[in-house]
N, C-alpha and C. Protein backbone atom coordinates (compact mmCIF):
# COMPACT_ATOMS: atom_id res chain seq x y z
N MET A 1 0.84 -1.18 0.00
CA MET A 1 0.00 0.00 0.00
C MET A 1 0.88 1.23 0.00
N LYS A 2 0.34 2.34 -0.50
CA LYS A 2 1.13 3.56 -0.61
C LYS A 2 0.68 4.61 0.39
N VAL A 3 1.68 5.32 0.93
CA VAL A 3 1.43 6.47 1.79
C VAL A 3 2.28 7.63 1.27
N LYS A 4 1.85 8.84 1.57
CA LYS A 4 2.59 10.02 1.14
C LYS A 4 3.19 10.70 2.36
N VAL A 5 4.44 11.14 2.22
CA VAL A 5 5.15 11.83 3.30
C VAL A 5 5.54 13.22 2.80
N LEU A 6 5.05 14.24 3.49
CA LEU A 6 5.41 15.62 3.19
C LEU A 6 6.51 16.04 4.15
N LEU A 7 7.55 16.65 3.61
CA LEU A 7 8.72 17.02 4.42
C LEU A 7 8.91 18.52 4.39
N ALA A 8 9.24 19.08 5.53
CA ALA A 8 9.52 20.51 5.62
C ALA A 8 10.78 20.70 6.46
N SER A 9 11.33 21.88 6.36
CA SER A 9 12.46 22.29 7.20
C SER A 9 13.67 21.36 6.98
N VAL A 10 14.30 20.96 8.07
CA VAL A 10 15.53 20.15 7.99
C VAL A 10 15.29 18.78 7.36
N PHE A 11 14.06 18.28 7.41
CA PHE A 11 13.74 16.98 6.82
C PHE A 11 13.73 17.08 5.30
N ARG A 12 13.24 18.19 4.79
CA ARG A 12 13.28 18.43 3.34
C ARG A 12 14.73 18.52 2.88
N GLU A 13 15.54 19.22 3.65
CA GLU A 13 16.96 19.35 3.31
C GLU A 13 17.66 18.00 3.32
N ALA A 14 17.39 17.18 4.33
CA ALA A 14 18.05 15.87 4.46
C ALA A 14 17.67 14.94 3.31
N ALA A 15 16.39 14.96 2.91
CA ALA A 15 15.92 14.06 1.85
C ALA A 15 16.16 14.63 0.45
N GLY A 16 16.36 15.94 0.37
CA GLY A 16 16.56 16.57 -0.93
C GLY A 16 15.30 16.75 -1.74
N ARG A 17 14.15 16.59 -1.10
CA ARG A 17 12.87 16.83 -1.77
C ARG A 17 11.78 17.07 -0.73
N LYS A 18 10.65 17.58 -1.19
CA LYS A 18 9.60 17.96 -0.24
C LYS A 18 8.52 16.90 -0.07
N GLU A 19 8.53 15.89 -0.92
CA GLU A 19 7.48 14.88 -0.86
C GLU A 19 8.02 13.51 -1.24
N LEU A 20 7.56 12.49 -0.53
CA LEU A 20 7.92 11.11 -0.82
C LEU A 20 6.64 10.30 -0.95
N GLU A 21 6.64 9.32 -1.83
CA GLU A 21 5.56 8.35 -1.87
C GLU A 21 6.20 7.01 -1.53
N GLU A 22 5.75 6.42 -0.44
CA GLU A 22 6.37 5.20 0.07
C GLU A 22 5.42 4.01 -0.04
N GLU A 23 5.96 2.90 -0.46
CA GLU A 23 5.24 1.63 -0.50
C GLU A 23 5.55 0.91 0.81
N VAL A 24 4.51 0.60 1.58
CA VAL A 24 4.71 -0.08 2.87
C VAL A 24 3.80 -1.31 2.93
N PRO A 25 4.22 -2.33 3.68
CA PRO A 25 3.40 -3.54 3.79
C PRO A 25 2.24 -3.37 4.77
N GLU A 26 1.25 -4.23 4.66
CA GLU A 26 0.14 -4.25 5.62
C GLU A 26 0.70 -4.41 7.03
N GLY A 27 0.09 -3.75 8.00
CA GLY A 27 0.52 -3.87 9.39
C GLY A 27 1.70 -2.99 9.76
N PHE A 28 2.22 -2.23 8.80
CA PHE A 28 3.37 -1.35 9.04
C PHE A 28 2.93 -0.18 9.91
N LYS A 29 3.71 0.11 10.92
CA LYS A 29 3.40 1.23 11.81
C LYS A 29 4.18 2.47 11.38
N LEU A 30 3.70 3.62 11.80
CA LEU A 30 4.37 4.87 11.49
C LEU A 30 5.80 4.83 11.99
N ALA A 31 6.04 4.28 13.17
CA ALA A 31 7.40 4.17 13.71
C ALA A 31 8.30 3.36 12.78
N ASP A 32 7.76 2.30 12.18
CA ASP A 32 8.54 1.49 11.23
C ASP A 32 8.99 2.34 10.04
N LEU A 33 8.06 3.13 9.52
CA LEU A 33 8.39 4.00 8.39
C LEU A 33 9.44 5.04 8.79
N LEU A 34 9.30 5.62 9.97
CA LEU A 34 10.26 6.63 10.43
C LEU A 34 11.65 6.02 10.59
N HIS A 35 11.73 4.78 11.06
CA HIS A 35 13.03 4.10 11.18
C HIS A 35 13.64 3.87 9.80
N GLU A 36 12.82 3.48 8.83
CA GLU A 36 13.33 3.29 7.46
C GLU A 36 13.85 4.59 6.87
N LEU A 37 13.11 5.68 7.09
CA LEU A 37 13.54 6.98 6.58
C LEU A 37 14.84 7.42 7.24
N ALA A 38 15.00 7.12 8.53
CA ALA A 38 16.24 7.47 9.25
C ALA A 38 17.42 6.69 8.67
N LEU A 39 17.22 5.43 8.33
CA LEU A 39 18.30 4.64 7.73
C LEU A 39 18.67 5.18 6.35
N ARG A 40 17.67 5.59 5.58
CA ARG A 40 17.90 6.06 4.22
C ARG A 40 18.51 7.46 4.16
N PHE A 41 17.99 8.38 4.98
CA PHE A 41 18.39 9.78 4.85
C PHE A 41 19.29 10.29 5.97
N GLN A 42 19.37 9.57 7.08
CA GLN A 42 20.22 9.98 8.22
C GLN A 42 19.83 11.37 8.73
N GLY A 43 20.82 12.13 9.20
CA GLY A 43 20.62 13.51 9.64
C GLY A 43 19.46 13.68 10.59
N ALA A 44 18.62 14.66 10.30
CA ALA A 44 17.50 15.02 11.16
C ALA A 44 16.53 13.85 11.39
N PHE A 45 16.44 12.94 10.43
CA PHE A 45 15.52 11.81 10.58
C PHE A 45 15.88 10.92 11.77
N ASN A 46 17.15 10.91 12.16
CA ASN A 46 17.57 10.11 13.30
C ASN A 46 17.03 10.64 14.62
N LYS A 47 16.50 11.86 14.61
CA LYS A 47 16.04 12.48 15.85
C LYS A 47 14.53 12.66 15.91
N VAL A 48 13.78 12.06 15.00
CA VAL A 48 12.32 12.20 15.01
C VAL A 48 11.75 11.55 16.26
N LEU A 49 12.21 10.34 16.57
CA LEU A 49 11.71 9.61 17.74
C LEU A 49 12.78 9.50 18.81
N THR A 50 12.33 9.55 20.06
CA THR A 50 13.24 9.30 21.18
C THR A 50 13.43 7.79 21.30
N PRO A 51 14.41 7.33 22.09
CA PRO A 51 14.59 5.89 22.26
C PRO A 51 13.34 5.18 22.81
N SER A 52 12.48 5.90 23.53
CA SER A 52 11.27 5.29 24.08
C SER A 52 10.10 5.30 23.09
N GLY A 53 10.32 5.83 21.88
CA GLY A 53 9.28 5.84 20.86
C GLY A 53 8.40 7.07 20.84
N GLU A 54 8.69 8.03 21.70
CA GLU A 54 7.95 9.30 21.71
C GLU A 54 8.47 10.18 20.58
N VAL A 55 7.63 11.08 20.09
CA VAL A 55 8.07 12.05 19.10
C VAL A 55 8.92 13.09 19.82
N ASN A 56 10.10 13.37 19.30
CA ASN A 56 11.01 14.34 19.89
C ASN A 56 10.29 15.68 20.03
N GLU A 57 10.55 16.38 21.12
CA GLU A 57 9.84 17.65 21.39
C GLU A 57 10.14 18.73 20.35
N ASP A 58 11.21 18.59 19.59
CA ASP A 58 11.54 19.57 18.55
C ASP A 58 10.93 19.24 17.19
N VAL A 59 10.18 18.14 17.13
CA VAL A 59 9.61 17.66 15.86
C VAL A 59 8.09 17.74 15.92
N LEU A 60 7.50 18.16 14.82
CA LEU A 60 6.05 18.12 14.67
C LEU A 60 5.73 17.02 13.67
N LEU A 61 4.93 16.05 14.11
CA LEU A 61 4.58 14.89 13.29
C LEU A 61 3.06 14.82 13.18
N PHE A 62 2.58 14.75 11.94
CA PHE A 62 1.14 14.71 11.70
C PHE A 62 0.79 13.49 10.85
N LEU A 63 -0.33 12.87 11.18
CA LEU A 63 -0.88 11.78 10.37
C LEU A 63 -2.30 12.17 10.00
N ASN A 64 -2.53 12.41 8.71
CA ASN A 64 -3.84 12.85 8.23
C ASN A 64 -4.35 14.08 8.98
N GLY A 65 -3.44 15.01 9.25
CA GLY A 65 -3.79 16.27 9.91
C GLY A 65 -3.83 16.23 11.42
N MET A 66 -3.64 15.05 12.01
CA MET A 66 -3.68 14.91 13.47
C MET A 66 -2.26 14.92 14.03
N SER A 67 -2.01 15.82 14.97
CA SER A 67 -0.70 15.91 15.60
C SER A 67 -0.48 14.70 16.50
N LEU A 68 0.71 14.12 16.43
CA LEU A 68 1.01 12.91 17.20
C LEU A 68 2.16 13.13 18.17
N LYS A 69 2.10 12.45 19.31
CA LYS A 69 3.20 12.43 20.28
C LYS A 69 3.89 11.07 20.29
N LYS A 70 3.19 10.04 19.73
CA LYS A 70 3.76 8.70 19.60
C LYS A 70 3.53 8.24 18.16
N ALA A 71 4.37 7.35 17.70
CA ALA A 71 4.29 6.90 16.31
C ALA A 71 3.88 5.43 16.23
N ASP A 72 2.99 5.01 17.14
CA ASP A 72 2.64 3.59 17.22
C ASP A 72 1.38 3.23 16.42
N LEU A 73 0.89 4.15 15.60
CA LEU A 73 -0.31 3.88 14.81
C LEU A 73 0.03 3.08 13.55
N GLU A 74 -0.88 2.18 13.18
CA GLU A 74 -0.71 1.40 11.96
C GLU A 74 -1.10 2.25 10.76
N LEU A 75 -0.29 2.18 9.72
CA LEU A 75 -0.56 2.96 8.51
C LEU A 75 -1.61 2.29 7.65
N LYS A 76 -2.34 3.13 6.89
CA LYS A 76 -3.37 2.64 5.98
C LYS A 76 -3.13 3.24 4.60
N GLU A 77 -3.65 2.58 3.59
CA GLU A 77 -3.55 3.06 2.20
C GLU A 77 -3.97 4.52 2.12
N GLY A 78 -3.13 5.34 1.48
CA GLY A 78 -3.46 6.74 1.25
C GLY A 78 -3.18 7.68 2.41
N ASP A 79 -2.62 7.18 3.51
CA ASP A 79 -2.31 8.06 4.64
C ASP A 79 -1.37 9.18 4.20
N LEU A 80 -1.53 10.33 4.84
CA LEU A 80 -0.69 11.49 4.59
C LEU A 80 0.05 11.83 5.87
N ILE A 81 1.38 11.75 5.81
CA ILE A 81 2.24 12.02 6.96
C ILE A 81 2.99 13.31 6.68
N MET A 82 3.09 14.16 7.68
CA MET A 82 3.90 15.37 7.53
C MET A 82 4.90 15.42 8.68
N ILE A 83 6.15 15.71 8.33
CA ILE A 83 7.22 15.81 9.32
C ILE A 83 7.88 17.18 9.15
N THR A 84 7.95 17.92 10.24
CA THR A 84 8.61 19.22 10.23
C THR A 84 9.22 19.46 11.60
N SER A 85 10.01 20.50 11.69
CA SER A 85 10.59 20.82 13.00
C SER A 85 9.89 22.05 13.55
N GLU A 86 9.86 22.12 14.86
CA GLU A 86 9.26 23.26 15.52
C GLU A 86 10.11 24.49 15.24
N VAL A 87 9.47 25.57 14.88
CA VAL A 87 10.18 26.80 14.57
C VAL A 87 10.21 27.67 15.82
N VAL A 88 11.42 28.08 16.18
CA VAL A 88 11.59 28.93 17.35
C VAL A 88 12.22 30.23 16.87
N GLY A 89 11.68 31.31 17.32
CA GLY A 89 12.24 32.59 16.91
C GLY A 89 11.82 33.68 17.86
N GLY A 90 12.13 34.88 17.49
CA GLY A 90 11.74 36.01 18.32
C GLY A 90 12.91 36.92 18.59
N ARG A 91 12.63 37.92 19.40
CA ARG A 91 13.68 38.87 19.75
C ARG A 91 13.75 39.05 21.23
């Protein structure tokens, strides 16, 4: 089944593009996909999840528009994942 991954910020830079279409098997969890992306692209992708499986506090992770703190959900055909980093700024 296919899922789409939208990348912004440092994740776009690491992958060299803003969008990926990934083929994943039935029963694949979001965490599994994130681990595969970390192996393929390295860099910022290695810091999306903490060792305990939580989403790193500097990362914003969305599945079909829903903000996630854990990546333990099973993926479905046509899911839309967005990965970006929290923007901090000000004076």
